[in-house]
Every structure is written in structure tokens, then in C-alpha cells.
Protein backbone atom coordinates (compact mmCIF):
# COMPACT_ATOMS: atom_id res chain seq x y z
CA UNK A 1 86.58 134.62 -96.50
CA UNK A 2 85.66 137.97 -94.50
CA UNK A 3 87.86 139.35 -91.90
CA UNK A 4 87.40 139.90 -88.29
CA UNK A 5 86.71 143.07 -87.34
CA UNK A 6 89.82 144.75 -85.72
CA UNK A 7 89.54 147.83 -83.46
CA UNK A 8 93.18 149.80 -82.65
CA UNK A 9 92.66 152.11 -79.87
CA UNK A 10 95.08 155.43 -78.90
CA UNK A 11 97.64 154.89 -81.55
CA UNK A 12 99.54 157.62 -83.10
CA UNK A 13 98.13 157.44 -86.36
CA UNK A 14 100.20 158.98 -89.23
CA UNK A 15 98.53 158.91 -92.90
CA UNK A 16 100.87 160.53 -95.05
CA UNK A 17 98.50 160.98 -97.79
CA UNK A 18 96.39 163.72 -95.56
CA UNK A 19 99.53 164.64 -93.98
CA UNK A 20 97.73 163.68 -90.86
CA UNK A 21 99.49 163.04 -87.41
CA UNK A 22 97.56 163.06 -84.46
CA UNK A 23 96.58 160.29 -81.58
CA UNK A 24 93.36 158.40 -82.48
CA UNK A 25 91.39 155.13 -83.49
CA UNK A 26 91.33 153.01 -86.35
CA UNK A 27 88.21 150.26 -87.95
CA UNK A 28 89.60 147.83 -89.67
CA UNK A 29 86.66 145.59 -91.26
CA UNK A 30 86.09 143.65 -94.45
CA UNK A 31 89.46 144.09 -95.95
CA UNK A 32 89.47 148.09 -95.43
CA UNK A 33 89.96 150.89 -93.16
CA UNK A 34 86.19 152.04 -92.31
CA UNK A 35 87.00 154.62 -89.96
CA UNK A 36 90.35 156.42 -88.35
CA UNK A 37 89.97 159.11 -85.98
CA UNK A 38 88.70 159.94 -82.85
CA UNK A 39 86.24 157.08 -82.83
CA UNK A 40 85.75 156.33 -79.00
CA UNK A 41 84.61 153.21 -77.70
CA UNK A 42 81.45 153.41 -78.99
CA UNK A 43 82.03 152.35 -82.41
CA UNK A 44 83.93 149.03 -81.51
CA UNK A 45 81.78 146.39 -83.44
CA UNK A 46 80.36 143.26 -81.47
CA UNK A 47 83.01 140.54 -81.23
CA UNK A 48 85.69 142.60 -83.05
CA UNK A 49 89.39 142.40 -81.36
CA UNK A 50 90.42 145.75 -79.69
CA UNK A 51 93.81 146.99 -79.51
CA UNK A 52 95.94 148.81 -77.46
CA UNK A 53 97.42 151.07 -79.39
CA UNK A 54 98.93 153.56 -76.32
CA UNK A 55 102.50 154.53 -77.50
CA UNK A 56 102.56 152.49 -81.12
CA UNK A 57 102.38 154.66 -84.50
CA UNK A 58 99.66 153.01 -86.78
CA UNK A 59 100.68 153.86 -90.13
CA UNK A 60 100.29 152.45 -93.97
CA UNK A 61 101.98 149.42 -94.62
CA UNK A 62 105.12 150.31 -95.98
CA UNK A 63 106.16 149.76 -99.62
CA UNK A 64 109.66 148.22 -100.78
CA UNK A 65 110.13 149.17 -104.60
CA UNK A 66 113.27 146.85 -104.66
CA UNK A 67 113.54 143.57 -103.19
CA UNK A 68 115.07 140.45 -104.33
CA UNK A 69 112.75 137.33 -103.31
CA UNK A 70 114.90 134.98 -105.80
CA UNK A 71 112.43 133.02 -107.11
CA UNK A 72 112.37 131.12 -109.76
CA UNK A 73 115.04 129.79 -110.06
CA UNK A 74 117.34 130.34 -106.63
CA UNK A 75 114.78 128.91 -104.07
CA UNK A 76 117.98 127.86 -102.04
CA UNK A 77 118.40 131.55 -101.28
CA UNK A 78 114.91 133.21 -100.69
CA UNK A 79 111.22 131.91 -101.60
CA UNK A 80 108.05 134.49 -102.28
CA UNK A 81 106.67 132.30 -99.34
CA UNK A 82 109.73 133.47 -97.33
CA UNK A 83 110.23 136.69 -98.39
CA UNK A 84 106.87 137.83 -97.76
CA UNK A 85 106.95 136.48 -94.25
CA UNK A 86 110.12 138.55 -93.73
CA UNK A 87 108.70 141.60 -95.09
CA UNK A 88 105.29 141.07 -92.90
CA UNK A 89 107.37 141.27 -89.80
CA UNK A 90 109.21 144.35 -91.24
CA UNK A 91 106.11 146.44 -91.67
CA UNK A 92 105.85 145.60 -95.57
CA UNK A 93 102.49 144.83 -96.77
CA UNK A 94 103.69 145.56 -100.87
CA UNK A 95 107.22 144.04 -102.73
CA UNK A 96 108.35 144.50 -105.86
CA UNK A 97 110.62 141.71 -106.84
CA UNK A 98 113.56 142.35 -109.14
CA UNK A 99 113.85 140.55 -111.96
CA UNK A 100 117.27 139.15 -111.55
CA UNK A 101 115.82 135.22 -111.35
CA UNK A 102 116.07 132.25 -113.45
CA UNK A 103 114.40 132.54 -115.77
CA UNK A 104 114.29 136.57 -115.45
CA UNK A 105 111.28 138.18 -115.81
CA UNK A 106 111.47 138.94 -119.29
CA UNK A 107 108.27 137.39 -120.48
CA UNK A 108 104.39 137.43 -119.37
CA UNK A 109 104.93 133.84 -118.21
CA UNK A 110 107.20 134.57 -115.86
CA UNK A 111 105.42 137.71 -114.52
CA UNK A 112 102.02 135.22 -114.51
CA UNK A 113 103.89 132.64 -112.67
CA UNK A 114 105.09 135.03 -110.05
CA UNK A 115 101.51 135.99 -109.43
CA UNK A 116 99.99 132.37 -108.95
CA UNK A 117 103.08 131.75 -106.73
CA UNK A 118 102.45 135.30 -104.80
CA UNK A 119 98.45 133.82 -104.54
CA UNK A 120 99.34 130.77 -103.45
CA UNK A 121 101.96 131.62 -100.79
CA UNK A 122 102.52 135.10 -99.95
CA UNK A 123 100.94 137.06 -96.84
CA UNK A 124 100.99 140.33 -98.72
CA UNK A 125 101.03 141.71 -101.85
CA UNK A 126 104.05 140.85 -104.49
CA UNK A 127 104.55 143.04 -107.72
CA UNK A 128 106.49 142.29 -110.38
CA UNK A 129 109.38 144.34 -111.59
CA UNK A 130 110.33 143.13 -115.71
CA UNK A 131 113.96 142.98 -117.38
CA UNK A 132 114.68 146.03 -119.56
CA UNK A 133 116.50 143.87 -121.84
CA UNK A 134 116.17 140.27 -122.65
CA UNK A 135 117.68 137.84 -120.33
CA UNK A 136 119.05 141.07 -118.55
CA UNK A 137 122.01 140.47 -121.07
CA UNK A 138 122.16 144.27 -122.26
CA UNK A 139 121.91 143.20 -125.96
CA UNK A 140 118.37 143.96 -127.05
CA UNK A 141 115.32 145.29 -125.30
CA UNK A 142 112.67 142.90 -123.90
CA UNK A 143 109.04 143.22 -125.03
CA UNK A 144 108.08 146.30 -122.73
CA UNK A 145 104.53 146.42 -123.95
CA UNK A 146 103.98 142.59 -123.05
CA UNK A 147 105.10 142.64 -119.92
CA UNK A 148 103.61 145.99 -118.95
CA UNK A 149 100.30 144.18 -120.59
CA UNK A 150 101.07 141.17 -117.73
CA UNK A 151 101.29 143.66 -115.09
CA UNK A 152 104.78 145.06 -114.54
CA UNK A 153 104.77 147.91 -112.24
CA UNK A 154 108.82 149.27 -113.33
CA UNK A 155 111.18 147.75 -115.56
CA UNK A 156 114.98 147.28 -114.08
CA UNK A 157 118.08 144.94 -115.31
CA UNK A 158 119.08 145.45 -111.46
CA UNK A 159 122.06 143.52 -110.79
CA UNK A 160 123.42 144.82 -114.03
CA UNK A 161 123.43 148.25 -115.44
CA UNK A 162 121.51 149.06 -119.23
CA UNK A 163 125.20 149.86 -120.36
CA UNK A 164 124.53 150.55 -123.76
CA UNK A 165 123.41 154.57 -123.79
CA UNK A 166 121.23 153.91 -126.99
CA UNK A 167 119.45 150.71 -125.38
CA UNK A 168 118.91 152.95 -122.28
CA UNK A 169 117.50 155.81 -124.84
CA UNK A 170 115.15 153.69 -126.18
CA UNK A 171 114.06 151.99 -122.85
CA UNK A 172 113.39 155.42 -121.55
CA UNK A 173 111.46 156.76 -124.90
CA UNK A 174 108.79 152.97 -124.09
CA UNK A 175 108.63 154.13 -120.68
CA UNK A 176 107.26 157.88 -121.64
CA UNK A 177 104.53 155.68 -124.04
CA UNK A 178 103.82 152.81 -120.93
CA UNK A 179 103.74 154.98 -118.33
CA UNK A 180 106.36 152.93 -116.23
CA UNK A 181 109.64 154.18 -115.04
CA UNK A 182 112.77 152.16 -115.87
CA UNK A 183 114.89 151.74 -112.57
CA UNK A 184 118.81 151.59 -113.38
CA UNK A 185 121.80 149.98 -111.19
CA UNK A 186 123.84 152.92 -111.91
CA UNK A 187 127.21 151.48 -112.35
CA UNK A 188 129.84 152.03 -115.07
CA UNK A 189 132.02 149.26 -115.32
CA UNK A 190 134.84 150.80 -116.85
CA UNK A 191 135.23 152.73 -113.53
CA UNK A 192 134.46 150.21 -110.94
CA UNK A 193 136.23 147.52 -112.75
CA UNK A 194 136.93 144.87 -110.23
CA UNK A 195 135.70 146.49 -107.27
CA UNK A 196 134.34 145.21 -104.22
CA UNK A 197 133.82 147.67 -101.61
CA UNK A 198 133.86 151.65 -101.78
CA UNK A 199 137.39 152.97 -102.58
CA UNK A 200 139.12 154.98 -99.89
CA UNK A 201 141.16 154.55 -97.00
CA UNK A 202 139.53 151.29 -95.61
CA UNK A 203 139.76 149.67 -99.09
CA UNK A 204 143.54 150.76 -99.11
CA UNK A 205 144.23 149.29 -95.31
CA UNK A 206 142.69 145.80 -96.48
CA UNK A 207 144.20 145.90 -99.87
CA UNK A 208 140.74 145.38 -101.85
CA UNK A 209 140.03 146.90 -104.99
CA UNK A 210 137.72 149.60 -104.62
CA UNK A 211 134.59 151.15 -106.35
CA UNK A 212 135.12 154.95 -107.11
CA UNK A 213 131.88 157.14 -106.13
CA UNK A 214 132.45 158.56 -110.15
CA UNK A 215 130.87 154.70 -111.07
CA UNK A 216 127.48 155.61 -109.78
CA UNK A 217 127.52 159.62 -110.80
CA UNK A 218 128.89 159.32 -114.05
CA UNK A 219 125.69 156.65 -115.11
CA UNK A 220 123.32 158.60 -113.44
CA UNK A 221 124.42 161.69 -114.96
CA UNK A 222 123.93 160.08 -118.17
CA UNK A 223 120.43 158.57 -117.72
CA UNK A 224 119.32 162.02 -116.62
CA UNK A 225 120.57 163.40 -119.92
CA UNK A 226 118.86 160.48 -121.29
CA UNK A 227 115.79 161.09 -119.58
CA UNK A 228 115.57 164.74 -120.41
CA UNK A 229 115.92 163.98 -124.03
CA UNK A 230 113.19 161.27 -124.49
CA UNK A 231 110.37 162.50 -121.59
CA UNK A 232 111.20 158.72 -120.12
CA UNK A 233 110.98 157.95 -116.39
CA UNK A 234 114.09 157.32 -114.82
CA UNK A 235 113.89 155.67 -110.95
CA UNK A 236 117.23 155.96 -110.09
CA UNK A 237 118.15 152.83 -107.64
CA UNK A 238 120.07 152.69 -104.58
CA UNK A 239 121.99 155.93 -104.17
CA UNK A 240 124.98 155.73 -102.26
CA UNK A 241 127.45 158.82 -102.97
CA UNK A 242 127.24 162.36 -101.91
CA UNK A 243 127.42 163.42 -105.52
CA UNK A 244 124.43 161.49 -106.33
CA UNK A 245 122.39 163.75 -104.65
CA UNK A 246 122.91 166.95 -106.40
CA UNK A 247 122.67 165.27 -109.51
CA UNK A 248 119.27 164.41 -108.37
CA UNK A 249 118.20 167.55 -107.02
CA UNK A 250 119.19 169.48 -110.14
CA UNK A 251 116.88 167.41 -112.46
CA UNK A 252 114.05 167.72 -110.55
CA UNK A 253 114.51 171.53 -110.30
CA UNK A 254 114.39 171.46 -114.09
CA UNK A 255 111.12 169.11 -113.81
CA UNK A 256 112.69 166.19 -115.12
CA UNK A 257 110.56 162.74 -114.70
CA UNK A 258 113.53 161.43 -112.35
CA UNK A 259 112.75 160.00 -109.13
CA UNK A 260 115.27 158.15 -106.26
CA UNK A 261 116.06 155.76 -103.73
CA UNK A 262 118.20 155.12 -100.69
CA UNK A 263 118.65 151.83 -98.53
CA UNK A 264 118.54 151.47 -95.25
CA UNK A 265 122.19 150.29 -94.81
CA UNK A 266 123.21 153.39 -96.84
CA UNK A 267 121.91 155.53 -94.31
CA UNK A 268 123.01 153.94 -90.99
CA UNK A 269 126.68 152.28 -91.60
CA UNK A 270 129.69 152.97 -92.97
CA UNK A 271 132.54 151.33 -95.24
CA UNK A 272 133.97 151.14 -91.42
CA UNK A 273 132.06 147.92 -90.81
CA UNK A 274 133.99 146.58 -93.35
CA UNK A 275 136.42 145.95 -90.68
CA UNK A 276 134.32 143.38 -88.96
CA UNK A 277 134.05 146.04 -85.69
CA UNK A 278 130.46 147.20 -86.48
CA UNK A 279 131.90 150.85 -86.97
CA UNK A 280 134.15 150.34 -83.81
CA UNK A 281 137.90 149.50 -83.65
CA UNK A 282 138.40 145.89 -83.68
CA UNK A 283 139.12 144.12 -80.42
CA UNK A 284 141.81 142.19 -80.86
CA UNK A 285 144.96 141.45 -83.51
CA UNK A 286 143.16 138.04 -83.72
CA UNK A 287 139.75 139.19 -84.99
CA UNK A 288 139.01 138.67 -88.89
CA UNK A 289 140.30 141.00 -91.44
CA UNK A 290 137.07 142.00 -92.50
CA UNK A 291 133.22 141.26 -92.37
CA UNK A 292 131.77 139.75 -95.78
CA UNK A 293 127.97 140.33 -94.44
CA UNK A 294 128.73 144.28 -95.29
CA UNK A 295 129.79 143.52 -99.07
CA UNK A 296 126.89 144.93 -101.00
CA UNK A 297 126.51 147.38 -104.64
CA UNK A 298 126.70 149.82 -104.26
CA UNK A 299 129.24 149.38 -101.25
CA UNK A 300 128.75 150.90 -97.84
CA UNK A 301 130.66 154.44 -98.00
CA UNK A 302 132.32 157.21 -96.18
CA UNK A 303 129.79 158.98 -93.35
CA UNK A 304 130.21 162.31 -95.70
CA UNK A 305 128.19 160.50 -97.98
CA UNK A 306 125.65 159.15 -95.18
CA UNK A 307 125.07 162.31 -94.19
CA UNK A 308 124.56 163.87 -97.68
CA UNK A 309 122.25 160.95 -98.19
CA UNK A 310 120.09 161.74 -94.70
CA UNK A 311 119.99 165.24 -95.88
CA UNK A 312 118.55 164.53 -99.76
CA UNK A 313 115.89 161.95 -98.11
CA UNK A 314 115.21 165.07 -95.33
CA UNK A 315 114.64 167.60 -98.01
CA UNK A 316 112.37 165.47 -100.46
CA UNK A 317 115.27 165.15 -103.32
CA UNK A 318 115.31 161.35 -102.25
CA UNK A 319 111.53 160.11 -102.94
CA UNK A 320 111.73 156.85 -101.21
CA UNK A 321 113.55 153.92 -98.97
CA UNK A 322 113.70 150.89 -100.70
CA UNK A 323 115.55 148.03 -99.08
CA UNK A 324 117.24 146.09 -101.77
CA UNK A 325 116.46 142.88 -99.94
CA UNK A 326 119.31 140.59 -101.00
CA UNK A 327 119.05 137.28 -99.19
CA UNK A 328 122.21 134.81 -99.65
CA UNK A 329 122.80 131.26 -98.49
CA UNK A 330 125.40 130.73 -96.18
CA UNK A 331 128.32 129.54 -98.36
CA UNK A 332 127.97 132.67 -100.92
CA UNK A 333 129.05 134.74 -97.71
CA UNK A 334 131.56 132.97 -96.04
CA UNK A 335 134.56 133.06 -98.71
CA UNK A 336 137.23 135.56 -99.09
CA UNK A 337 135.98 139.49 -99.57
CA UNK A 338 136.44 139.09 -103.15
CA UNK A 339 134.72 136.14 -103.85
CA UNK A 340 131.70 137.08 -101.48
CA UNK A 341 128.34 137.74 -103.26
CA UNK A 342 127.29 141.21 -103.18
CA UNK A 343 123.96 141.52 -100.27
CA UNK A 344 122.30 142.19 -96.87
CA UNK A 345 119.39 140.70 -95.78
CA UNK A 346 117.44 143.95 -95.14
CA UNK A 347 113.63 143.32 -94.70
CA UNK A 348 113.28 142.64 -90.66
CA UNK A 349 115.82 145.24 -89.54
CA UNK A 350 114.96 148.16 -91.98
CA UNK A 351 112.61 149.98 -89.65
CA UNK A 352 114.79 149.54 -86.63
CA UNK A 353 117.54 150.34 -88.47
CA UNK A 354 115.68 153.76 -89.90
CA UNK A 355 114.25 155.07 -86.50
CA UNK A 356 117.78 155.49 -85.57
CA UNK A 357 117.47 158.36 -87.73
CA UNK A 358 114.09 159.71 -85.79
CA UNK A 359 115.97 159.32 -82.30
CA UNK A 360 118.85 161.25 -83.75
CA UNK A 361 116.42 163.94 -84.81
CA UNK A 362 118.16 163.82 -88.47
CA UNK A 363 114.83 162.95 -89.64
CA UNK A 364 111.04 163.57 -88.61
CA UNK A 365 108.80 160.78 -87.75
CA UNK A 366 106.48 161.79 -90.72
CA UNK A 367 109.14 162.18 -92.99
CA UNK A 368 110.03 158.50 -92.43
CA UNK A 369 106.63 157.24 -92.52
CA UNK A 370 106.43 159.12 -95.65
CA UNK A 371 109.34 157.61 -97.54
CA UNK A 372 108.44 153.96 -96.67
CA UNK A 373 104.57 155.05 -97.79
CA UNK A 374 103.61 157.67 -100.32
CA UNK A 375 106.93 158.13 -101.92
CA UNK A 376 107.44 154.64 -103.63
CA UNK A 377 103.55 155.06 -104.47
CA UNK A 378 104.10 157.91 -106.28
CA UNK A 379 106.97 155.96 -107.84
CA UNK A 380 104.23 153.51 -109.06
CA UNK A 381 102.09 155.86 -109.67
CA UNK A 382 98.12 156.97 -109.52
CA UNK A 383 96.79 153.83 -109.31
CA UNK A 384 98.81 152.58 -106.49
CA UNK A 385 98.07 156.02 -104.32
CA UNK A 386 95.39 154.29 -101.90
CA UNK A 387 98.59 151.95 -100.96
CA UNK A 388 99.96 154.50 -98.92
CA UNK A 389 96.44 155.98 -97.46
CA UNK A 390 94.40 155.48 -94.49
CA UNK A 391 91.28 157.27 -96.09
CA UNK A 392 87.93 154.83 -94.92
CA UNK A 393 87.33 152.71 -98.02
CA UNK A 394 90.93 151.90 -99.09
CA UNK A 395 92.51 148.57 -98.43
CA UNK A 396 93.40 147.63 -94.61
CA UNK A 397 97.61 147.51 -95.49
CA UNK A 398 98.32 148.86 -91.81
CA UNK A 399 101.54 148.45 -89.66
CA UNK A 400 101.63 148.84 -86.06
CA UNK A 401 105.25 149.69 -84.33
CA UNK A 402 106.62 150.68 -81.23
CA UNK A 403 109.32 153.44 -81.98
CA UNK A 404 110.93 153.12 -78.37
CA UNK A 405 111.04 148.86 -78.18
CA UNK A 406 114.36 147.81 -77.85
CA UNK A 407 115.75 144.77 -79.40
CA UNK A 408 119.05 143.13 -80.47
CA UNK A 409 119.26 141.46 -84.12
CA UNK A 410 119.62 137.68 -83.82
CA UNK A 411 119.41 136.14 -87.25
CA UNK A 412 118.37 132.71 -86.02
CA UNK A 413 114.59 134.20 -85.32
CA UNK A 414 114.65 135.57 -89.14
CA UNK A 415 111.84 134.91 -91.44
CA UNK A 416 113.85 135.13 -94.65
CA UNK A 417 115.90 132.52 -95.87
CA UNK A 418 118.93 135.17 -95.73
CA UNK A 419 120.56 135.90 -92.59
CA UNK A 420 123.32 137.64 -94.14
CA UNK A 421 123.31 141.05 -92.33
CA UNK A 422 126.41 142.67 -90.91
CA UNK A 423 123.81 143.66 -87.84
CA UNK A 424 123.53 140.54 -86.06
CA UNK A 425 123.80 141.22 -82.67
CA UNK A 426 123.27 145.17 -82.87
CA UNK A 427 121.00 146.59 -80.88
CA UNK A 428 118.37 148.52 -82.59
CA UNK A 429 115.52 150.48 -81.01
CA UNK A 430 111.81 150.63 -82.87
CA UNK A 431 110.30 147.28 -83.73
CA UNK A 432 107.06 146.13 -85.41
CA UNK A 433 104.55 144.99 -83.30
CA UNK A 434 101.66 143.91 -86.17
CA UNK A 435 101.14 144.10 -89.72
CA UNK A 436 97.93 143.74 -91.49
CA UNK A 437 97.00 142.92 -94.97
CA UNK A 438 94.21 143.28 -96.27
CA UNK A 439 92.60 143.57 -92.43
CA UNK A 440 94.41 140.57 -91.98
CA UNK A 441 96.77 140.11 -89.32
CA UNK A 442 99.94 138.68 -91.10
CA UNK A 443 102.32 138.94 -88.33
CA UNK A 444 101.95 139.50 -84.76
CA UNK A 445 104.61 140.91 -82.76
CA UNK A 446 105.26 139.88 -78.68
CA UNK A 447 104.26 143.39 -78.01
CA UNK A 448 101.23 143.19 -79.31
CA UNK A 449 98.41 143.95 -75.94
CA UNK A 450 94.61 143.04 -76.66
CA UNK A 451 92.08 144.59 -74.72
CA UNK A 452 88.66 143.00 -73.70
CA UNK A 453 86.17 144.03 -76.28
CA UNK A 454 83.72 146.42 -75.03
CA UNK A 455 81.40 146.13 -77.69
CA UNK A 456 77.49 147.58 -77.98
CA UNK A 457 75.20 145.69 -76.85
């Protein structure tokens, strides 16, 4: 069905693929972007929906390279339908779902199942990431060529590292032939052991087992060496430590095919939040010892790590931002910190969290949009470049957001089935007001302002 024409007036249009950042108009129709720039009212088609974009930013829809939609197998935590609604509300028009499902995405049949479910239930584009090893067990490689032919966009055993160095070497060799990246969950288990949060003063204070930074950095160093020897494409998932940034920087300087991502929570909150006071001293001695909503892997770390990650993102050493959206049911978090599940529900709070960096002048608006659109599109490869473009003829995947809107996180309003976030009750500045996928408005926020059409007669 042909979509209705949409004319967005006077928005700040940011198109990182063309390094465009200026106030103008945007015309969507027939599922495509028809025009962008200073168009004027004489370009408004008859019967078009006209949106007042004054004060709003219009950019390509965000692309999430790292998202857990839980289906099949864990639909009580999340579904493709609910995850797509959450993504649309957060400004995402493309989600890449991780393979730690049941059954895992280690064969073409599961890829086809997810594609069918997405076609039926999703408001936005869903892409699959296939397993590196069969069953994610780390014992033998999955049929990577079969998965590539079925349409996966990358390979990962996320949730578990590819621990066997020889298997990782073989996987990277295949990735070179297939042209698809290997996204590894970098964790040396001999170092992380039973750790549940970052090693440091907070873990010591709470008596919790800590995860040292070396657990991440040692495996990143190993994988970079393997990427160099094989020529395979390595994508480092969810960087969290200060020491990881120079490892990626050096690999890039040597021209190695290495890319990296960082998550909103690792850029904006620290391990102090584990204490339950949202980074502030606890109000009373009677308050809970910790907040299990902060339990995530990699763990929240110290401010020096956060600062280094922000600098790496600003410099372009870190290519993109990925949510690692990991929704859980209530009972998975309402237990002791040791027993709580790792993960935070992120899709609907990502933009508001990240705009703190812009308002704090740590990252430009253009750089933020680039790392949410152009950066991940480049990791996916040339065939997905148009997803980060607002040039005429490309798909009308567009997000409109108000960078100045103040709002308070209320998980009862989440579209995601996962309400597990330490940001509950936190005030954020910046919010999505509309998301368009293929020209269809898949999310409309209360801040969207319509105008009466002034179409030509």
C-alpha cells in the first residue's frame, strides 16, 4: 500500500553520509525520501501531512547493531513485536538481533523464522546475526556460509565469548571470504571468574566479586592479533574500559579491519550507580544495598573509563553506538545481585541518555547522529549504506527528535516487555517525537506538531 506523502518543515536536517547539517524541509512519499533541503511551501503535494519541524532534528533512522529480541524461546522477556515498538519509540528503524535465542540462530531455518515473524509483527527492519559456533557452545563452527546465504549480517556468540583461539581464527578466516564481521563478546573467563560487577572500590564495599578490566582487554588484544593474521573483519562489541580504546586505536592505525561499538550506559553512568543512589550518596542507611537493574555485562565501570570511551567515540576510534538492549522479566532482577540476570533495557532511553553528551559539550550533535547511523551502516557494509542516507531515492527511514524536551523515565510506559533499567525516575533531556520506517509513521510522540496543508490548487 502506497504511503501518504509527508512534508516536514523547518527541521534541522542532519545527513552524516553527506556531512549535511542545516535547517530545511523534507518530503517523504511512496516509501522514499523525495527531496531534502530548502523546498518551500510550493513543493507540498496535495493531501500531504505537514509537520512543523521547528526546533526538531531530522536524521536517518538509528541503526542498532546489538539488540536482544529474545524470540524465539524467551518470549516472556521480549518479542519481535514488542522490541520493534520499543525501537520505533527510541528512533531506531533497524535492529540487528543477537543469536542467544532458543533455538539459537545457527542455521538457515531459524533465520527464515525470524524474517517471517518480523514481516508479520515488526514495525521496523529486523536483521539477524548468526552464531559463530553451533548452539553457541564454542566447540565447532556453525555453518557460516549457509547462514550468510540465508541473510545474516554478522556472526556472534554474544553472551558468551568465542573462547577457543583456534576457532576464532577459523571464524575470522571465513569472515574474510564471506565479507561479514565477527562480533565477539570479549571476556576472558579465567580472569572474570564469578565476577558480577566491575572490580574496584564499590565491589569491595559491597563484598561482590569484581570483573577486572583485563578480562576484556586481554581478549580484545587476542582477537586483534587474529584479525591481523587472517585478514578477517573483527567488530569488538560493547567496549567498557579505558584500556580497550588504545587497543582499537592502534589496530586502526595499522590499517587492520577492526571496528568497535560502545553502549549508552557505558557512556553515561558508572559503577557508583550499583549502590542504588543513581550515582549519588544513598539517602538513608535503610535503603537497599544495591540496585540489580545496574547489573550488565560488560559491567558499569569507573568515571575514568567513561571519559576514555567518550573521547574514543568523539575521535572516531569507536565507530558506533549500539544499545545491547537486554530485556528481562521482573523475577530475573528481583533477586540478589549475584543471582540477577545481566542486562539493561535500553532502546527507549538511548537517545535521552546520549544527548547528555551533547548538552555537556562532550560530543557534537553531528557526531552523535553519525555514530547512531552512518557508523553502524559502515560496519554492516556497502549494501546497507543507504540506511544512513537522506538523499532522494533512499528509503524513508527517518527520525524526528526534540533535543530540548525534558522528560522523566517511567518504565510503566515502555513498549518493551523489559522494564529493567536503572534510569527509572531519572530526568532526561531530549526525546523522539516521530519515527518513519519506509515512509510509514511507526511512532508518534505527544510533542509532534501538525500544520494544515497548504498544497497547491
